[in-house]
Amino acid sequence: MHSKQILIGLGLAFALFATSPVAANDSPPVKKSNSGICHARGTTYYAQTKHFTPYATLDACLKSGGRLPKR
């Protein structure tokens, strides 16, 4: 029973990452926070942003409805 649940969980995780704007990895080029702010790699709050949607470019993040940080 447990192995079936693990396989279902792995399948769901794969489906989530397969549909994200960028392939899942540890350090996407741009992170859109849950509050809708686009953080590019190397900016002030990039490393602190833990809950995000990854994007390949800042332009893609902005086109998805994100915005630039105020500072």
PDB file of N, CA and C in Angstrom:
ATOM      1  N   MET A   1       0.820  -1.199   0.000  1.00  0.00           N
ATOM      2  CA  MET A   1       0.000   0.000   0.000  1.00  0.00           C
ATOM      3  C   MET A   1       0.861   1.258   0.000  1.00  0.00           C
ATOM      4  N   HIS A   2       1.914   1.280   0.790  1.00  0.00           N
ATOM      5  CA  HIS A   2       2.759   2.468   0.870  1.00  0.00           C
ATOM      6  C   HIS A   2       3.468   2.745  -0.452  1.00  0.00           C
ATOM      7  N   SER A   3       3.918   1.703  -1.130  1.00  0.00           N
ATOM      8  CA  SER A   3       4.631   1.936  -2.391  1.00  0.00           C
ATOM      9  C   SER A   3       3.701   2.537  -3.443  1.00  0.00           C
ATOM     10  N   LYS A   4       2.430   2.163  -3.412  1.00  0.00           N
ATOM     11  CA  LYS A   4       1.471   2.740  -4.354  1.00  0.00           C
ATOM     12  C   LYS A   4       1.285   4.230  -4.061  1.00  0.00           C
ATOM     13  N   GLN A   5       1.226   4.617  -2.779  1.00  0.00           N
ATOM     14  CA  GLN A   5       1.083   6.015  -2.409  1.00  0.00           C
ATOM     15  C   GLN A   5       2.320   6.813  -2.807  1.00  0.00           C
ATOM     16  N   ILE A   6       3.483   6.204  -2.666  1.00  0.00           N
ATOM     17  CA  ILE A   6       4.729   6.877  -3.054  1.00  0.00           C
ATOM     18  C   ILE A   6       4.743   7.121  -4.557  1.00  0.00           C
ATOM     19  N   LEU A   7       4.340   6.127  -5.323  1.00  0.00           N
ATOM     20  CA  LEU A   7       4.313   6.284  -6.780  1.00  0.00           C
ATOM     21  C   LEU A   7       3.319   7.365  -7.199  1.00  0.00           C
ATOM     22  N   ILE A   8       2.182   7.417  -6.538  1.00  0.00           N
ATOM     23  CA  ILE A   8       1.198   8.459  -6.854  1.00  0.00           C
ATOM     24  C   ILE A   8       1.782   9.826  -6.519  1.00  0.00           C
ATOM     25  N   GLY A   9       2.446   9.941  -5.360  1.00  0.00           N
ATOM     26  CA  GLY A   9       3.066  11.209  -4.960  1.00  0.00           C
ATOM     27  C   GLY A   9       4.141  11.639  -5.937  1.00  0.00           C
ATOM     28  N   LEU A  10       4.956  10.701  -6.378  1.00  0.00           N
ATOM     29  CA  LEU A  10       6.000  11.022  -7.352  1.00  0.00           C
ATOM     30  C   LEU A  10       5.389  11.474  -8.673  1.00  0.00           C
ATOM     31  N   GLY A  11       4.313  10.825  -9.068  1.00  0.00           N
ATOM     32  CA  GLY A  11       3.640  11.214 -10.308  1.00  0.00           C
ATOM     33  C   GLY A  11       3.074  12.626 -10.221  1.00  0.00           C
ATOM     34  N   LEU A  12       2.479  12.950  -9.076  1.00  0.00           N
ATOM     35  CA  LEU A  12       1.946  14.300  -8.887  1.00  0.00           C
ATOM     36  C   LEU A  12       3.064  15.337  -8.876  1.00  0.00           C
ATOM     37  N   ALA A  13       4.181  15.016  -8.214  1.00  0.00           N
ATOM     38  CA  ALA A  13       5.314  15.945  -8.178  1.00  0.00           C
ATOM     39  C   ALA A  13       5.858  16.163  -9.583  1.00  0.00           C
ATOM     40  N   PHE A  14       5.991  15.096 -10.353  1.00  0.00           N
ATOM     41  CA  PHE A  14       6.478  15.236 -11.724  1.00  0.00           C
ATOM     42  C   PHE A  14       5.540  16.097 -12.552  1.00  0.00           C
ATOM     43  N   ALA A  15       4.233  15.881 -12.403  1.00  0.00           N
ATOM     44  CA  ALA A  15       3.259  16.663 -13.165  1.00  0.00           C
ATOM     45  C   ALA A  15       3.358  18.144 -12.798  1.00  0.00           C
ATOM     46  N   LEU A  16       3.559  18.446 -11.540  1.00  0.00           N
ATOM     47  CA  LEU A  16       3.694  19.833 -11.104  1.00  0.00           C
ATOM     48  C   LEU A  16       4.910  20.488 -11.736  1.00  0.00           C
ATOM     49  N   PHE A  17       6.059  19.823 -11.672  1.00  0.00           N
ATOM     50  CA  PHE A  17       7.283  20.397 -12.218  1.00  0.00           C
ATOM     51  C   PHE A  17       7.271  20.425 -13.744  1.00  0.00           C
ATOM     52  N   ALA A  18       6.627  19.477 -14.357  1.00  0.00           N
ATOM     53  CA  ALA A  18       6.588  19.439 -15.820  1.00  0.00           C
ATOM     54  C   ALA A  18       5.755  20.582 -16.392  1.00  0.00           C
ATOM     55  N   THR A  19       4.823  21.117 -15.595  1.00  0.00           N
ATOM     56  CA  THR A  19       3.978  22.189 -16.096  1.00  0.00           C
ATOM     57  C   THR A  19       4.440  23.568 -15.649  1.00  0.00           C
ATOM     58  N   SER A  20       5.519  23.645 -14.853  1.00  0.00           N
ATOM     59  CA  SER A  20       5.999  24.946 -14.408  1.00  0.00           C
ATOM     60  C   SER A  20       6.695  25.659 -15.563  1.00  0.00           C
ATOM     61  N   PRO A  21       6.778  27.010 -15.530  1.00  0.00           N
ATOM     62  CA  PRO A  21       7.378  27.764 -16.628  1.00  0.00           C
ATOM     63  C   PRO A  21       8.848  27.454 -16.867  1.00  0.00           C
ATOM     64  N   VAL A  22       9.542  26.875 -15.908  1.00  0.00           N
ATOM     65  CA  VAL A  22      10.951  26.525 -16.032  1.00  0.00           C
ATOM     66  C   VAL A  22      11.117  25.128 -15.466  1.00  0.00           C
ATOM     67  N   ALA A  23      12.000  24.330 -16.032  1.00  0.00           N
ATOM     68  CA  ALA A  23      12.271  23.021 -15.462  1.00  0.00           C
ATOM     69  C   ALA A  23      12.728  23.189 -14.019  1.00  0.00           C
ATOM     70  N   ALA A  24      12.283  22.282 -13.157  1.00  0.00           N
ATOM     71  CA  ALA A  24      12.615  22.394 -11.730  1.00  0.00           C
ATOM     72  C   ALA A  24      14.119  22.230 -11.516  1.00  0.00           C
ATOM     73  N   ASN A  25      14.699  23.179 -10.827  1.00  0.00           N
ATOM     74  CA  ASN A  25      16.088  23.064 -10.407  1.00  0.00           C
ATOM     75  C   ASN A  25      16.273  23.912  -9.161  1.00  0.00           C
ATOM     76  N   ASP A  26      17.455  23.925  -8.617  1.00  0.00           N
ATOM     77  CA  ASP A  26      17.685  24.631  -7.357  1.00  0.00           C
ATOM     78  C   ASP A  26      17.753  26.143  -7.506  1.00  0.00           C
ATOM     79  N   SER A  27      18.080  26.625  -8.673  1.00  0.00           N
ATOM     80  CA  SER A  27      18.312  28.055  -8.821  1.00  0.00           C
ATOM     81  C   SER A  27      17.782  28.581 -10.154  1.00  0.00           C
ATOM     82  N   PRO A  28      16.478  28.840 -10.233  1.00  0.00           N
ATOM     83  CA  PRO A  28      15.946  29.374 -11.490  1.00  0.00           C
ATOM     84  C   PRO A  28      16.429  30.802 -11.718  1.00  0.00           C
ATOM     85  N   PRO A  29      16.484  31.251 -12.949  1.00  0.00           N
ATOM     86  CA  PRO A  29      16.942  32.611 -13.242  1.00  0.00           C
ATOM     87  C   PRO A  29      16.079  33.693 -12.593  1.00  0.00           C
ATOM     88  N   VAL A  30      14.761  33.448 -12.520  1.00  0.00           N
ATOM     89  CA  VAL A  30      13.832  34.435 -11.943  1.00  0.00           C
ATOM     90  C   VAL A  30      12.818  33.698 -11.072  1.00  0.00           C
ATOM     91  N   LYS A  31      12.519  34.278  -9.907  1.00  0.00           N
ATOM     92  CA  LYS A  31      11.511  33.733  -9.003  1.00  0.00           C
ATOM     93  C   LYS A  31      10.391  34.751  -8.850  1.00  0.00           C
ATOM     94  N   LYS A  32       9.143  34.313  -9.063  1.00  0.00           N
ATOM     95  CA  LYS A  32       8.000  35.187  -8.777  1.00  0.00           C
ATOM     96  C   LYS A  32       7.426  34.747  -7.437  1.00  0.00           C
ATOM     97  N   SER A  33       7.527  35.613  -6.445  1.00  0.00           N
ATOM     98  CA  SER A  33       7.050  35.296  -5.102  1.00  0.00           C
ATOM     99  C   SER A  33       5.531  35.162  -5.086  1.00  0.00           C
ATOM    100  N   ASN A  34       5.030  34.593  -4.004  1.00  0.00           N
ATOM    101  CA  ASN A  34       3.579  34.452  -3.859  1.00  0.00           C
ATOM    102  C   ASN A  34       2.869  35.799  -3.859  1.00  0.00           C
ATOM    103  N   SER A  35       3.593  36.869  -3.531  1.00  0.00           N
ATOM    104  CA  SER A  35       2.999  38.202  -3.558  1.00  0.00           C
ATOM    105  C   SER A  35       3.109  38.854  -4.939  1.00  0.00           C
ATOM    106  N   GLY A  36       3.653  38.128  -5.945  1.00  0.00           N
ATOM    107  CA  GLY A  36       3.680  38.604  -7.320  1.00  0.00           C
ATOM    108  C   GLY A  36       4.881  39.448  -7.701  1.00  0.00           C
ATOM    109  N   ILE A  37       5.934  39.420  -6.885  1.00  0.00           N
ATOM    110  CA  ILE A  37       7.129  40.211  -7.179  1.00  0.00           C
ATOM    111  C   ILE A  37       8.157  39.326  -7.889  1.00  0.00           C
ATOM    112  N   CYS A  38       8.693  39.803  -9.003  1.00  0.00           N
ATOM    113  CA  CYS A  38       9.690  39.068  -9.776  1.00  0.00           C
ATOM    114  C   CYS A  38      11.090  39.407  -9.269  1.00  0.00           C
ATOM    115  N   HIS A  39      11.816  38.388  -8.818  1.00  0.00           N
ATOM    116  CA  HIS A  39      13.172  38.560  -8.295  1.00  0.00           C
ATOM    117  C   HIS A  39      14.155  37.857  -9.222  1.00  0.00           C
ATOM    118  N   ALA A  40      15.013  38.629  -9.875  1.00  0.00           N
ATOM    119  CA  ALA A  40      16.035  38.055 -10.749  1.00  0.00           C
ATOM    120  C   ALA A  40      17.224  37.601  -9.915  1.00  0.00           C
ATOM    121  N   ARG A  41      17.934  36.591 -10.397  1.00  0.00           N
ATOM    122  CA  ARG A  41      19.127  36.087  -9.709  1.00  0.00           C
ATOM    123  C   ARG A  41      20.103  37.245  -9.479  1.00  0.00           C
ATOM    124  N   GLY A  42      20.622  37.351  -8.264  1.00  0.00           N
ATOM    125  CA  GLY A  42      21.588  38.386  -7.937  1.00  0.00           C
ATOM    126  C   GLY A  42      20.969  39.631  -7.313  1.00  0.00           C
ATOM    127  N   THR A  43      19.638  39.712  -7.263  1.00  0.00           N
ATOM    128  CA  THR A  43      19.004  40.873  -6.642  1.00  0.00           C
ATOM    129  C   THR A  43      18.873  40.664  -5.129  1.00  0.00           C
ATOM    130  N   THR A  44      18.513  41.732  -4.431  1.00  0.00           N
ATOM    131  CA  THR A  44      18.523  41.752  -2.969  1.00  0.00           C
ATOM    132  C   THR A  44      17.761  40.608  -2.315  1.00  0.00           C
ATOM    133  N   TYR A  45      16.531  40.343  -2.727  1.00  0.00           N
ATOM    134  CA  TYR A  45      15.701  39.359  -2.035  1.00  0.00           C
ATOM    135  C   TYR A  45      15.590  38.012  -2.755  1.00  0.00           C
ATOM    136  N   TYR A  46      16.385  37.805  -3.788  1.00  0.00           N
ATOM    137  CA  TYR A  46      16.322  36.546  -4.544  1.00  0.00           C
ATOM    138  C   TYR A  46      16.536  35.342  -3.630  1.00  0.00           C
ATOM    139  N   ALA A  47      17.605  35.343  -2.866  1.00  0.00           N
ATOM    140  CA  ALA A  47      17.937  34.188  -2.024  1.00  0.00           C
ATOM    141  C   ALA A  47      16.929  33.982  -0.897  1.00  0.00           C
ATOM    142  N   GLN A  48      16.286  35.057  -0.457  1.00  0.00           N
ATOM    143  CA  GLN A  48      15.318  34.950   0.637  1.00  0.00           C
ATOM    144  C   GLN A  48      13.943  34.476   0.170  1.00  0.00           C
ATOM    145  N   THR A  49      13.703  34.498  -1.120  1.00  0.00           N
ATOM    146  CA  THR A  49      12.408  34.100  -1.663  1.00  0.00           C
ATOM    147  C   THR A  49      12.336  32.574  -1.703  1.00  0.00           C
ATOM    148  N   LYS A  50      11.507  32.005  -0.828  1.00  0.00           N
ATOM    149  CA  LYS A  50      11.423  30.542  -0.695  1.00  0.00           C
ATOM    150  C   LYS A  50      10.195  29.948  -1.370  1.00  0.00           C
ATOM    151  N   HIS A  51       9.079  30.665  -1.403  1.00  0.00           N
ATOM    152  CA  HIS A  51       7.842  30.177  -2.017  1.00  0.00           C
ATOM    153  C   HIS A  51       7.616  30.982  -3.289  1.00  0.00           C
ATOM    154  N   PHE A  52       7.808  30.322  -4.448  1.00  0.00           N
ATOM    155  CA  PHE A  52       7.833  31.052  -5.707  1.00  0.00           C
ATOM    156  C   PHE A  52       7.452  30.167  -6.877  1.00  0.00           C
ATOM    157  N   THR A  53       7.231  30.821  -8.006  1.00  0.00           N
ATOM    158  CA  THR A  53       7.083  30.156  -9.294  1.00  0.00           C
ATOM    159  C   THR A  53       8.317  30.529 -10.105  1.00  0.00           C
ATOM    160  N   PRO A  54       9.031  29.538 -10.649  1.00  0.00           N
ATOM    161  CA  PRO A  54      10.244  29.838 -11.413  1.00  0.00           C
ATOM    162  C   PRO A  54       9.935  30.282 -12.846  1.00  0.00           C
ATOM    163  N   TYR A  55      10.765  31.178 -13.362  1.00  0.00           N
ATOM    164  CA  TYR A  55      10.659  31.647 -14.747  1.00  0.00           C
ATOM    165  C   TYR A  55      12.038  31.689 -15.382  1.00  0.00           C
ATOM    166  N   ALA A  56      12.073  31.519 -16.698  1.00  0.00           N
ATOM    167  CA  ALA A  56      13.337  31.521 -17.429  1.00  0.00           C
ATOM    168  C   ALA A  56      13.880  32.941 -17.612  1.00  0.00           C
ATOM    169  N   THR A  57      12.970  33.914 -17.724  1.00  0.00           N
ATOM    170  CA  THR A  57      13.402  35.300 -17.943  1.00  0.00           C
ATOM    171  C   THR A  57      12.559  36.254 -17.101  1.00  0.00           C
ATOM    172  N   LEU A  58      13.100  37.431 -16.868  1.00  0.00           N
ATOM    173  CA  LEU A  58      12.366  38.465 -16.151  1.00  0.00           C
ATOM    174  C   LEU A  58      11.146  38.892 -16.967  1.00  0.00           C
ATOM    175  N   ASP A  59      11.300  38.970 -18.273  1.00  0.00           N
ATOM    176  CA  ASP A  59      10.186  39.348 -19.147  1.00  0.00           C
ATOM    177  C   ASP A  59       9.029  38.357 -19.026  1.00  0.00           C
ATOM    178  N   ALA A  60       9.332  37.068 -18.981  1.00  0.00           N
ATOM    179  CA  ALA A  60       8.284  36.049 -18.836  1.00  0.00           C
ATOM    180  C   ALA A  60       7.565  36.200 -17.501  1.00  0.00           C
ATOM    181  N   CYS A  61       8.301  36.500 -16.457  1.00  0.00           N
ATOM    182  CA  CYS A  61       7.704  36.715 -15.135  1.00  0.00           C
ATOM    183  C   CYS A  61       6.772  37.920 -15.155  1.00  0.00           C
ATOM    184  N   LEU A  62       7.235  39.003 -15.751  1.00  0.00           N
ATOM    185  CA  LEU A  62       6.423  40.219 -15.822  1.00  0.00           C
ATOM    186  C   LEU A  62       5.162  39.998 -16.665  1.00  0.00           C
ATOM    187  N   LYS A  63       5.294  39.273 -17.770  1.00  0.00           N
ATOM    188  CA  LYS A  63       4.148  38.994 -18.641  1.00  0.00           C
ATOM    189  C   LYS A  63       3.121  38.094 -17.956  1.00  0.00           C
ATOM    190  N   SER A  64       3.548  37.333 -16.948  1.00  0.00           N
ATOM    191  CA  SER A  64       2.623  36.446 -16.229  1.00  0.00           C
ATOM    192  C   SER A  64       1.816  37.209 -15.178  1.00  0.00           C
ATOM    193  N   GLY A  65       2.063  38.508 -15.079  1.00  0.00           N
ATOM    194  CA  GLY A  65       1.339  39.313 -14.108  1.00  0.00           C
ATOM    195  C   GLY A  65       2.196  39.768 -12.932  1.00  0.00           C
ATOM    196  N   GLY A  66       3.464  39.410 -12.941  1.00  0.00           N
ATOM    197  CA  GLY A  66       4.371  39.832 -11.868  1.00  0.00           C
ATOM    198  C   GLY A  66       4.775  41.289 -12.022  1.00  0.00           C
ATOM    199  N   ARG A  67       5.433  41.798 -10.990  1.00  0.00           N
ATOM    200  CA  ARG A  67       5.924  43.171 -11.045  1.00  0.00           C
ATOM    201  C   ARG A  67       7.356  43.212 -10.503  1.00  0.00           C
ATOM    202  N   LEU A  68       8.047  44.312 -10.804  1.00  0.00           N
ATOM    203  CA  LEU A  68       9.400  44.503 -10.290  1.00  0.00           C
ATOM    204  C   LEU A  68       9.330  44.919  -8.823  1.00  0.00           C
ATOM    205  N   PRO A  69      10.383  44.624  -8.046  1.00  0.00           N
ATOM    206  CA  PRO A  69      10.428  45.110  -6.664  1.00  0.00           C
ATOM    207  C   PRO A  69      10.464  46.635  -6.634  1.00  0.00           C
ATOM    208  N   LYS A  70       9.943  47.229  -5.573  1.00  0.00           N
ATOM    209  CA  LYS A  70       9.951  48.687  -5.456  1.00  0.00           C
ATOM    210  C   LYS A  70      11.352  49.204  -5.174  1.00  0.00           C
ATOM    211  N   ARG A  71      12.209  48.387  -4.551  1.00  0.00           N
ATOM    212  CA  ARG A  71      13.590  48.818  -4.297  1.00  0.00           C
ATOM    213  C   ARG A  71      14.557  47.867  -4.943  1.00  0.00           C
TER     214      ARG A  71
END
